Amino acid sequence: MAITAIIIILLVIGIYAALQYKYNTLEKSLKEYLITVEGYSESDLVSIKAKLSSMPKFPVYVRFADDPDTSYIFTDRDASDWKQLDPKEPQRLKKGNN
């Protein structure tokens, strides 16, 4: 009984750690993309937060300094090819990846 409980606890911790790693990786990748490819500065970005969802699996929500009340949704489609998903204007990607 104790071994089963330990295994379940380790599985839960492992899944949580894997999700946190995935979120962190996506957030860093999108931040790097927005700064290096799209030309945003660090001060243009208020927050970047990845979450688990049904579709897409891992959307990343970004708030920009010039529109801090709006969350823009991005996905990399598991290929580091960032796309803005929501139809909000303005489209935040400048390089024709909309």
PDB file of N, CA and C in Angstrom:
ATOM      1  N   MET A   1       0.813  -1.193   0.000  1.00  0.00           N
ATOM      2  CA  MET A   1       0.000   0.000   0.000  1.00  0.00           C
ATOM      3  C   MET A   1       0.858   1.259   0.000  1.00  0.00           C
ATOM      4  N   ALA A   2       1.877   1.291   0.819  1.00  0.00           N
ATOM      5  CA  ALA A   2       2.761   2.458   0.896  1.00  0.00           C
ATOM      6  C   ALA A   2       3.543   2.622  -0.406  1.00  0.00           C
ATOM      7  N   ILE A   3       3.945   1.532  -1.010  1.00  0.00           N
ATOM      8  CA  ILE A   3       4.692   1.602  -2.271  1.00  0.00           C
ATOM      9  C   ILE A   3       3.800   2.159  -3.374  1.00  0.00           C
ATOM     10  N   THR A   4       2.541   1.746  -3.414  1.00  0.00           N
ATOM     11  CA  THR A   4       1.596   2.266  -4.402  1.00  0.00           C
ATOM     12  C   THR A   4       1.421   3.768  -4.236  1.00  0.00           C
ATOM     13  N   ALA A   5       1.291   4.216  -3.003  1.00  0.00           N
ATOM     14  CA  ALA A   5       1.141   5.656  -2.738  1.00  0.00           C
ATOM     15  C   ALA A   5       2.377   6.421  -3.179  1.00  0.00           C
ATOM     16  N   ILE A   6       3.539   5.883  -2.912  1.00  0.00           N
ATOM     17  CA  ILE A   6       4.795   6.532  -3.320  1.00  0.00           C
ATOM     18  C   ILE A   6       4.885   6.608  -4.840  1.00  0.00           C
ATOM     19  N   ILE A   7       4.505   5.540  -5.516  1.00  0.00           N
ATOM     20  CA  ILE A   7       4.538   5.526  -6.983  1.00  0.00           C
ATOM     21  C   ILE A   7       3.578   6.573  -7.551  1.00  0.00           C
ATOM     22  N   ILE A   8       2.391   6.651  -6.983  1.00  0.00           N
ATOM     23  CA  ILE A   8       1.414   7.645  -7.453  1.00  0.00           C
ATOM     24  C   ILE A   8       1.938   9.060  -7.219  1.00  0.00           C
ATOM     25  N   ILE A   9       2.495   9.302  -6.070  1.00  0.00           N
ATOM     26  CA  ILE A   9       3.056  10.631  -5.771  1.00  0.00           C
ATOM     27  C   ILE A   9       4.187  10.967  -6.734  1.00  0.00           C
ATOM     28  N   LEU A  10       5.062  10.013  -6.997  1.00  0.00           N
ATOM     29  CA  LEU A  10       6.169  10.258  -7.936  1.00  0.00           C
ATOM     30  C   LEU A  10       5.657  10.514  -9.345  1.00  0.00           C
ATOM     31  N   LEU A  11       4.614   9.801  -9.763  1.00  0.00           N
ATOM     32  CA  LEU A  11       4.023  10.037 -11.087  1.00  0.00           C
ATOM     33  C   LEU A  11       3.433  11.436 -11.184  1.00  0.00           C
ATOM     34  N   VAL A  12       2.710  11.847 -10.150  1.00  0.00           N
ATOM     35  CA  VAL A  12       2.113  13.186 -10.145  1.00  0.00           C
ATOM     36  C   VAL A  12       3.203  14.251 -10.192  1.00  0.00           C
ATOM     37  N   ILE A  13       4.239  14.086  -9.398  1.00  0.00           N
ATOM     38  CA  ILE A  13       5.349  15.045  -9.397  1.00  0.00           C
ATOM     39  C   ILE A  13       6.040  15.055 -10.758  1.00  0.00           C
ATOM     40  N   GLY A  14       6.224  13.894 -11.342  1.00  0.00           N
ATOM     41  CA  GLY A  14       6.867  13.804 -12.656  1.00  0.00           C
ATOM     42  C   GLY A  14       6.053  14.487 -13.743  1.00  0.00           C
ATOM     43  N   ILE A  15       4.756  14.275 -13.745  1.00  0.00           N
ATOM     44  CA  ILE A  15       3.885  14.918 -14.739  1.00  0.00           C
ATOM     45  C   ILE A  15       3.893  16.431 -14.541  1.00  0.00           C
ATOM     46  N   TYR A  16       3.804  16.871 -13.299  1.00  0.00           N
ATOM     47  CA  TYR A  16       3.833  18.302 -13.013  1.00  0.00           C
ATOM     48  C   TYR A  16       5.151  18.926 -13.485  1.00  0.00           C
ATOM     49  N   ALA A  17       6.263  18.263 -13.184  1.00  0.00           N
ATOM     50  CA  ALA A  17       7.577  18.778 -13.590  1.00  0.00           C
ATOM     51  C   ALA A  17       7.698  18.827 -15.113  1.00  0.00           C
ATOM     52  N   ALA A  18       7.182  17.809 -15.796  1.00  0.00           N
ATOM     53  CA  ALA A  18       7.238  17.786 -17.265  1.00  0.00           C
ATOM     54  C   ALA A  18       6.413  18.919 -17.860  1.00  0.00           C
ATOM     55  N   LEU A  19       5.245  19.189 -17.288  1.00  0.00           N
ATOM     56  CA  LEU A  19       4.406  20.293 -17.774  1.00  0.00           C
ATOM     57  C   LEU A  19       5.092  21.640 -17.539  1.00  0.00           C
ATOM     58  N   GLN A  20       5.673  21.820 -16.373  1.00  0.00           N
ATOM     59  CA  GLN A  20       6.363  23.078 -16.079  1.00  0.00           C
ATOM     60  C   GLN A  20       7.531  23.288 -17.035  1.00  0.00           C
ATOM     61  N   TYR A  21       8.252  22.216 -17.342  1.00  0.00           N
ATOM     62  CA  TYR A  21       9.362  22.310 -18.297  1.00  0.00           C
ATOM     63  C   TYR A  21       8.845  22.710 -19.679  1.00  0.00           C
ATOM     64  N   LYS A  22       7.744  22.090 -20.111  1.00  0.00           N
ATOM     65  CA  LYS A  22       7.147  22.407 -21.413  1.00  0.00           C
ATOM     66  C   LYS A  22       6.703  23.866 -21.453  1.00  0.00           C
ATOM     67  N   TYR A  23       6.009  24.323 -20.401  1.00  0.00           N
ATOM     68  CA  TYR A  23       5.566  25.717 -20.343  1.00  0.00           C
ATOM     69  C   TYR A  23       6.756  26.667 -20.428  1.00  0.00           C
ATOM     70  N   ASN A  24       7.778  26.401 -19.641  1.00  0.00           N
ATOM     71  CA  ASN A  24       8.965  27.260 -19.607  1.00  0.00           C
ATOM     72  C   ASN A  24       9.647  27.308 -20.969  1.00  0.00           C
ATOM     73  N   THR A  25       9.756  26.156 -21.621  1.00  0.00           N
ATOM     74  CA  THR A  25      10.373  26.083 -22.943  1.00  0.00           C
ATOM     75  C   THR A  25       9.578  26.899 -23.966  1.00  0.00           C
ATOM     76  N   LEU A  26       8.266  26.750 -23.974  1.00  0.00           N
ATOM     77  CA  LEU A  26       7.422  27.499 -24.909  1.00  0.00           C
ATOM     78  C   LEU A  26       7.499  29.003 -24.651  1.00  0.00           C
ATOM     79  N   GLU A  27       7.439  29.401 -23.387  1.00  0.00           N
ATOM     80  CA  GLU A  27       7.489  30.819 -23.044  1.00  0.00           C
ATOM     81  C   GLU A  27       8.815  31.449 -23.488  1.00  0.00           C
ATOM     82  N   LYS A  28       9.917  30.763 -23.219  1.00  0.00           N
ATOM     83  CA  LYS A  28      11.226  31.285 -23.632  1.00  0.00           C
ATOM     84  C   LYS A  28      11.358  31.336 -25.152  1.00  0.00           C
ATOM     85  N   SER A  29      10.854  30.307 -25.830  1.00  0.00           N
ATOM     86  CA  SER A  29      10.942  30.257 -27.284  1.00  0.00           C
ATOM     87  C   SER A  29      10.134  31.386 -27.927  1.00  0.00           C
ATOM     88  N   LEU A  30       8.911  31.615 -27.449  1.00  0.00           N
ATOM     89  CA  LEU A  30       8.095  32.690 -28.014  1.00  0.00           C
ATOM     90  C   LEU A  30       8.706  34.050 -27.707  1.00  0.00           C
ATOM     91  N   LYS A  31       9.214  34.239 -26.507  1.00  0.00           N
ATOM     92  CA  LYS A  31       9.853  35.511 -26.153  1.00  0.00           C
ATOM     93  C   LYS A  31      11.044  35.778 -27.076  1.00  0.00           C
ATOM     94  N   GLU A  32      11.872  34.764 -27.274  1.00  0.00           N
ATOM     95  CA  GLU A  32      13.024  34.904 -28.169  1.00  0.00           C
ATOM     96  C   GLU A  32      12.560  35.224 -29.589  1.00  0.00           C
ATOM     97  N   TYR A  33      11.519  34.548 -30.049  1.00  0.00           N
ATOM     98  CA  TYR A  33      10.988  34.783 -31.395  1.00  0.00           C
ATOM     99  C   TYR A  33      10.472  36.218 -31.536  1.00  0.00           C
ATOM    100  N   LEU A  34       9.694  36.668 -30.564  1.00  0.00           N
ATOM    101  CA  LEU A  34       9.133  38.019 -30.638  1.00  0.00           C
ATOM    102  C   LEU A  34      10.223  39.085 -30.634  1.00  0.00           C
ATOM    103  N   ILE A  35      11.303  38.849 -29.900  1.00  0.00           N
ATOM    104  CA  ILE A  35      12.387  39.833 -29.822  1.00  0.00           C
ATOM    105  C   ILE A  35      13.306  39.754 -31.039  1.00  0.00           C
ATOM    106  N   THR A  36      13.756  38.558 -31.388  1.00  0.00           N
ATOM    107  CA  THR A  36      14.764  38.442 -32.462  1.00  0.00           C
ATOM    108  C   THR A  36      14.173  38.487 -33.866  1.00  0.00           C
ATOM    109  N   VAL A  37      13.007  37.890 -34.073  1.00  0.00           N
ATOM    110  CA  VAL A  37      12.429  37.823 -35.414  1.00  0.00           C
ATOM    111  C   VAL A  37      11.435  38.957 -35.654  1.00  0.00           C
ATOM    112  N   GLU A  38      10.561  39.190 -34.684  1.00  0.00           N
ATOM    113  CA  GLU A  38       9.498  40.175 -34.870  1.00  0.00           C
ATOM    114  C   GLU A  38       9.912  41.594 -34.503  1.00  0.00           C
ATOM    115  N   GLY A  39      11.038  41.759 -33.818  1.00  0.00           N
ATOM    116  CA  GLY A  39      11.555  43.089 -33.532  1.00  0.00           C
ATOM    117  C   GLY A  39      10.979  43.777 -32.312  1.00  0.00           C
ATOM    118  N   TYR A  40      10.271  43.044 -31.458  1.00  0.00           N
ATOM    119  CA  TYR A  40       9.779  43.631 -30.213  1.00  0.00           C
ATOM    120  C   TYR A  40      10.945  43.752 -29.236  1.00  0.00           C
ATOM    121  N   SER A  41      10.843  44.703 -28.321  1.00  0.00           N
ATOM    122  CA  SER A  41      11.848  44.807 -27.264  1.00  0.00           C
ATOM    123  C   SER A  41      11.295  44.135 -26.011  1.00  0.00           C
ATOM    124  N   GLU A  42      12.166  43.871 -25.075  1.00  0.00           N
ATOM    125  CA  GLU A  42      11.757  43.243 -23.825  1.00  0.00           C
ATOM    126  C   GLU A  42      10.691  44.093 -23.121  1.00  0.00           C
ATOM    127  N   SER A  43      10.808  45.410 -23.221  1.00  0.00           N
ATOM    128  CA  SER A  43       9.852  46.298 -22.554  1.00  0.00           C
ATOM    129  C   SER A  43       8.482  46.300 -23.243  1.00  0.00           C
ATOM    130  N   ASP A  44       8.397  45.798 -24.478  1.00  0.00           N
ATOM    131  CA  ASP A  44       7.111  45.695 -25.175  1.00  0.00           C
ATOM    132  C   ASP A  44       6.253  44.551 -24.634  1.00  0.00           C
ATOM    133  N   LEU A  45       6.884  43.611 -23.938  1.00  0.00           N
ATOM    134  CA  LEU A  45       6.206  42.405 -23.479  1.00  0.00           C
ATOM    135  C   LEU A  45       5.903  42.505 -21.988  1.00  0.00           C
ATOM    136  N   VAL A  46       4.627  42.485 -21.635  1.00  0.00           N
ATOM    137  CA  VAL A  46       4.226  42.553 -20.232  1.00  0.00           C
ATOM    138  C   VAL A  46       4.274  41.164 -19.605  1.00  0.00           C
ATOM    139  N   SER A  47       3.705  40.168 -20.298  1.00  0.00           N
ATOM    140  CA  SER A  47       3.724  38.804 -19.775  1.00  0.00           C
ATOM    141  C   SER A  47       3.598  37.794 -20.906  1.00  0.00           C
ATOM    142  N   ILE A  48       4.162  36.616 -20.652  1.00  0.00           N
ATOM    143  CA  ILE A  48       4.062  35.475 -21.566  1.00  0.00           C
ATOM    144  C   ILE A  48       3.769  34.267 -20.691  1.00  0.00           C
ATOM    145  N   LYS A  49       2.640  33.608 -20.959  1.00  0.00           N
ATOM    146  CA  LYS A  49       2.224  32.502 -20.100  1.00  0.00           C
ATOM    147  C   LYS A  49       1.654  31.358 -20.932  1.00  0.00           C
ATOM    148  N   ALA A  50       2.287  30.185 -20.844  1.00  0.00           N
ATOM    149  CA  ALA A  50       1.802  28.984 -21.530  1.00  0.00           C
ATOM    150  C   ALA A  50       0.836  28.236 -20.607  1.00  0.00           C
ATOM    151  N   LYS A  51      -0.125  27.554 -21.221  1.00  0.00           N
ATOM    152  CA  LYS A  51      -1.096  26.772 -20.460  1.00  0.00           C
ATOM    153  C   LYS A  51      -1.385  25.477 -21.201  1.00  0.00           C
ATOM    154  N   LEU A  52      -2.027  24.558 -20.500  1.00  0.00           N
ATOM    155  CA  LEU A  52      -2.486  23.310 -21.107  1.00  0.00           C
ATOM    156  C   LEU A  52      -3.926  23.512 -21.547  1.00  0.00           C
ATOM    157  N   SER A  53      -4.250  23.071 -22.751  1.00  0.00           N
ATOM    158  CA  SER A  53      -5.584  23.260 -23.302  1.00  0.00           C
ATOM    159  C   SER A  53      -5.935  22.050 -24.159  1.00  0.00           C
ATOM    160  N   SER A  54      -7.141  22.052 -24.688  1.00  0.00           N
ATOM    161  CA  SER A  54      -7.514  20.945 -25.568  1.00  0.00           C
ATOM    162  C   SER A  54      -7.108  21.230 -27.009  1.00  0.00           C
ATOM    163  N   MET A  55      -7.295  22.472 -27.466  1.00  0.00           N
ATOM    164  CA  MET A  55      -6.946  22.814 -28.848  1.00  0.00           C
ATOM    165  C   MET A  55      -6.535  24.258 -28.915  1.00  0.00           C
ATOM    166  N   PRO A  56      -5.332  24.626 -29.194  1.00  0.00           N
ATOM    167  CA  PRO A  56      -4.176  23.748 -29.324  1.00  0.00           C
ATOM    168  C   PRO A  56      -3.764  23.207 -27.951  1.00  0.00           C
ATOM    169  N   LYS A  57      -2.906  22.250 -27.954  1.00  0.00           N
ATOM    170  CA  LYS A  57      -2.507  21.586 -26.722  1.00  0.00           C
ATOM    171  C   LYS A  57      -1.841  22.560 -25.745  1.00  0.00           C
ATOM    172  N   PHE A  58      -0.958  23.428 -26.262  1.00  0.00           N
ATOM    173  CA  PHE A  58      -0.231  24.371 -25.412  1.00  0.00           C
ATOM    174  C   PHE A  58      -0.285  25.780 -25.995  1.00  0.00           C
ATOM    175  N   PRO A  59      -1.385  26.503 -25.796  1.00  0.00           N
ATOM    176  CA  PRO A  59      -1.414  27.898 -26.249  1.00  0.00           C
ATOM    177  C   PRO A  59      -0.534  28.756 -25.333  1.00  0.00           C
ATOM    178  N   VAL A  60       0.024  29.823 -25.900  1.00  0.00           N
ATOM    179  CA  VAL A  60       0.836  30.750 -25.120  1.00  0.00           C
ATOM    180  C   VAL A  60       0.162  32.117 -25.206  1.00  0.00           C
ATOM    181  N   TYR A  61      -0.144  32.681 -24.060  1.00  0.00           N
ATOM    182  CA  TYR A  61      -0.848  33.964 -23.967  1.00  0.00           C
ATOM    183  C   TYR A  61       0.164  35.071 -23.728  1.00  0.00           C
ATOM    184  N   VAL A  62       0.086  36.118 -24.557  1.00  0.00           N
ATOM    185  CA  VAL A  62       1.028  37.237 -24.449  1.00  0.00           C
ATOM    186  C   VAL A  62       0.244  38.521 -24.243  1.00  0.00           C
ATOM    187  N   ARG A  63       0.731  39.336 -23.327  1.00  0.00           N
ATOM    188  CA  ARG A  63       0.206  40.695 -23.130  1.00  0.00           C
ATOM    189  C   ARG A  63       1.310  41.671 -23.507  1.00  0.00           C
ATOM    190  N   PHE A  64       0.943  42.628 -24.332  1.00  0.00           N
ATOM    191  CA  PHE A  64       1.891  43.633 -24.803  1.00  0.00           C
ATOM    192  C   PHE A  64       1.693  44.934 -24.042  1.00  0.00           C
ATOM    193  N   ALA A  65       2.758  45.702 -23.885  1.00  0.00           N
ATOM    194  CA  ALA A  65       2.725  46.950 -23.110  1.00  0.00           C
ATOM    195  C   ALA A  65       1.735  47.953 -23.694  1.00  0.00           C
ATOM    196  N   ASP A  66       1.591  47.979 -25.021  1.00  0.00           N
ATOM    197  CA  ASP A  66       0.680  48.951 -25.631  1.00  0.00           C
ATOM    198  C   ASP A  66      -0.787  48.512 -25.595  1.00  0.00           C
ATOM    199  N   ASP A  67      -1.058  47.284 -25.115  1.00  0.00           N
ATOM    200  CA  ASP A  67      -2.421  46.767 -24.996  1.00  0.00           C
ATOM    201  C   ASP A  67      -2.460  45.748 -23.844  1.00  0.00           C
ATOM    202  N   PRO A  68      -2.178  46.194 -22.612  1.00  0.00           N
ATOM    203  CA  PRO A  68      -2.014  45.251 -21.492  1.00  0.00           C
ATOM    204  C   PRO A  68      -3.288  44.542 -21.057  1.00  0.00           C
ATOM    205  N   ASP A  69      -4.446  44.996 -21.495  1.00  0.00           N
ATOM    206  CA  ASP A  69      -5.693  44.354 -21.096  1.00  0.00           C
ATOM    207  C   ASP A  69      -6.115  43.224 -22.030  1.00  0.00           C
ATOM    208  N   THR A  70      -5.358  43.007 -23.096  1.00  0.00           N
ATOM    209  CA  THR A  70      -5.698  41.980 -24.079  1.00  0.00           C
ATOM    210  C   THR A  70      -4.641  40.884 -24.071  1.00  0.00           C
ATOM    211  N   SER A  71      -5.091  39.640 -24.022  1.00  0.00           N
ATOM    212  CA  SER A  71      -4.180  38.492 -24.152  1.00  0.00           C
ATOM    213  C   SER A  71      -4.239  37.992 -25.585  1.00  0.00           C
ATOM    214  N   TYR A  72      -3.098  37.966 -26.241  1.00  0.00           N
ATOM    215  CA  TYR A  72      -2.989  37.431 -27.594  1.00  0.00           C
ATOM    216  C   TYR A  72      -2.529  35.987 -27.490  1.00  0.00           C
ATOM    217  N   ILE A  73      -3.145  35.116 -28.286  1.00  0.00           N
ATOM    218  CA  ILE A  73      -2.877  33.683 -28.192  1.00  0.00           C
ATOM    219  C   ILE A  73      -2.000  33.242 -29.362  1.00  0.00           C
ATOM    220  N   PHE A  74      -0.920  32.528 -29.020  1.00  0.00           N
ATOM    221  CA  PHE A  74       0.022  32.029 -30.026  1.00  0.00           C
ATOM    222  C   PHE A  74       0.233  30.534 -29.833  1.00  0.00           C
ATOM    223  N   THR A  75       0.618  29.872 -30.920  1.00  0.00           N
ATOM    224  CA  THR A  75       1.018  28.467 -30.849  1.00  0.00           C
ATOM    225  C   THR A  75       2.193  28.260 -31.797  1.00  0.00           C
ATOM    226  N   ASP A  76       3.028  27.283 -31.454  1.00  0.00           N
ATOM    227  CA  ASP A  76       4.156  26.964 -32.343  1.00  0.00           C
ATOM    228  C   ASP A  76       3.886  25.712 -33.160  1.00  0.00           C
ATOM    229  N   ARG A  77       2.754  25.080 -32.944  1.00  0.00           N
ATOM    230  CA  ARG A  77       2.357  23.866 -33.683  1.00  0.00           C
ATOM    231  C   ARG A  77       3.451  22.815 -33.667  1.00  0.00           C
ATOM    232  N   ASP A  78       4.186  22.755 -32.557  1.00  0.00           N
ATOM    233  CA  ASP A  78       5.277  21.796 -32.339  1.00  0.00           C
ATOM    234  C   ASP A  78       6.378  21.886 -33.387  1.00  0.00           C
ATOM    235  N   ALA A  79       6.541  23.059 -33.994  1.00  0.00           N
ATOM    236  CA  ALA A  79       7.558  23.182 -35.036  1.00  0.00           C
ATOM    237  C   ALA A  79       8.327  24.501 -34.958  1.00  0.00           C
ATOM    238  N   SER A  80       8.230  25.213 -33.855  1.00  0.00           N
ATOM    239  CA  SER A  80       8.895  26.512 -33.675  1.00  0.00           C
ATOM    240  C   SER A  80       8.519  27.498 -34.778  1.00  0.00           C
ATOM    241  N   ASP A  81       7.331  27.322 -35.334  1.00  0.00           N
ATOM    242  CA  ASP A  81       6.799  28.225 -36.350  1.00  0.00           C
ATOM    243  C   ASP A  81       5.607  28.923 -35.714  1.00  0.00           C
ATOM    244  N   TRP A  82       5.866  30.035 -35.048  1.00  0.00           N
ATOM    245  CA  TRP A  82       4.850  30.704 -34.247  1.00  0.00           C
ATOM    246  C   TRP A  82       3.758  31.330 -35.098  1.00  0.00           C
ATOM    247  N   LYS A  83       2.517  31.123 -34.677  1.00  0.00           N
ATOM    248  CA  LYS A  83       1.329  31.687 -35.327  1.00  0.00           C
ATOM    249  C   LYS A  83       0.456  32.335 -34.269  1.00  0.00           C
ATOM    250  N   GLN A  84      -0.175  33.453 -34.633  1.00  0.00           N
ATOM    251  CA  GLN A  84      -1.175  34.044 -33.753  1.00  0.00           C
ATOM    252  C   GLN A  84      -2.501  33.379 -34.064  1.00  0.00           C
ATOM    253  N   LEU A  85      -3.168  32.873 -33.049  1.00  0.00           N
ATOM    254  CA  LEU A  85      -4.401  32.127 -33.270  1.00  0.00           C
ATOM    255  C   LEU A  85      -5.646  32.985 -33.233  1.00  0.00           C
ATOM    256  N   ASP A  86      -5.677  33.936 -32.352  1.00  0.00           N
ATOM    257  CA  ASP A  86      -6.895  34.713 -32.204  1.00  0.00           C
ATOM    258  C   ASP A  86      -7.016  35.776 -33.286  1.00  0.00           C
ATOM    259  N   PRO A  87      -8.218  36.129 -33.633  1.00  0.00           N
ATOM    260  CA  PRO A  87      -8.422  37.096 -34.725  1.00  0.00           C
ATOM    261  C   PRO A  87      -8.343  38.550 -34.271  1.00  0.00           C
ATOM    262  N   LYS A  88      -7.846  38.786 -33.061  1.00  0.00           N
ATOM    263  CA  LYS A  88      -7.790  40.151 -32.555  1.00  0.00           C
ATOM    264  C   LYS A  88      -6.917  41.033 -33.437  1.00  0.00           C
ATOM    265  N   GLU A  89      -7.323  42.266 -33.532  1.00  0.00           N
ATOM    266  CA  GLU A  89      -6.515  43.251 -34.234  1.00  0.00           C
ATOM    267  C   GLU A  89      -5.839  44.121 -33.198  1.00  0.00           C
ATOM    268  N   PRO A  90      -4.630  44.541 -33.387  1.00  0.00           N
ATOM    269  CA  PRO A  90      -3.838  44.225 -34.577  1.00  0.00           C
ATOM    270  C   PRO A  90      -3.215  42.836 -34.465  1.00  0.00           C
ATOM    271  N   GLN A  91      -2.905  42.281 -35.598  1.00  0.00           N
ATOM    272  CA  GLN A  91      -2.128  41.061 -35.599  1.00  0.00           C
ATOM    273  C   GLN A  91      -0.738  41.436 -35.089  1.00  0.00           C
ATOM    274  N   ARG A  92      -0.230  40.695 -34.114  1.00  0.00           N
ATOM    275  CA  ARG A  92       1.011  41.085 -33.453  1.00  0.00           C
ATOM    276  C   ARG A  92       2.253  40.585 -34.188  1.00  0.00           C
ATOM    277  N   LEU A  93       2.121  39.593 -35.046  1.00  0.00           N
ATOM    278  CA  LEU A  93       3.275  39.117 -35.796  1.00  0.00           C
ATOM    279  C   LEU A  93       3.424  39.971 -37.049  1.00  0.00           C
ATOM    280  N   LYS A  94       4.586  40.527 -37.218  1.00  0.00           N
ATOM    281  CA  LYS A  94       4.817  41.484 -38.291  1.00  0.00           C
ATOM    282  C   LYS A  94       5.399  40.855 -39.554  1.00  0.00           C
ATOM    283  N   LYS A  95       5.987  39.685 -39.441  1.00  0.00           N
ATOM    284  CA  LYS A  95       6.757  39.097 -40.534  1.00  0.00           C
ATOM    285  C   LYS A  95       5.938  38.228 -41.475  1.00  0.00           C
ATOM    286  N   GLY A  96       4.636  38.459 -41.558  1.00  0.00           N
ATOM    287  CA  GLY A  96       3.816  37.715 -42.508  1.00  0.00           C
ATOM    288  C   GLY A  96       3.458  36.322 -42.073  1.00  0.00           C
ATOM    289  N   ASN A  97       3.585  36.017 -40.794  1.00  0.00           N
ATOM    290  CA  ASN A  97       3.250  34.674 -40.290  1.00  0.00           C
ATOM    291  C   ASN A  97       1.847  34.611 -39.737  1.00  0.00           C
ATOM    292  N   ASN A  98       0.997  35.534 -40.067  1.00  0.00           N
ATOM    293  CA  ASN A  98      -0.345  35.581 -39.485  1.00  0.00           C
ATOM    294  C   ASN A  98      -1.233  34.506 -40.048  1.00  0.00           C
TER     295      ASN A  98
END
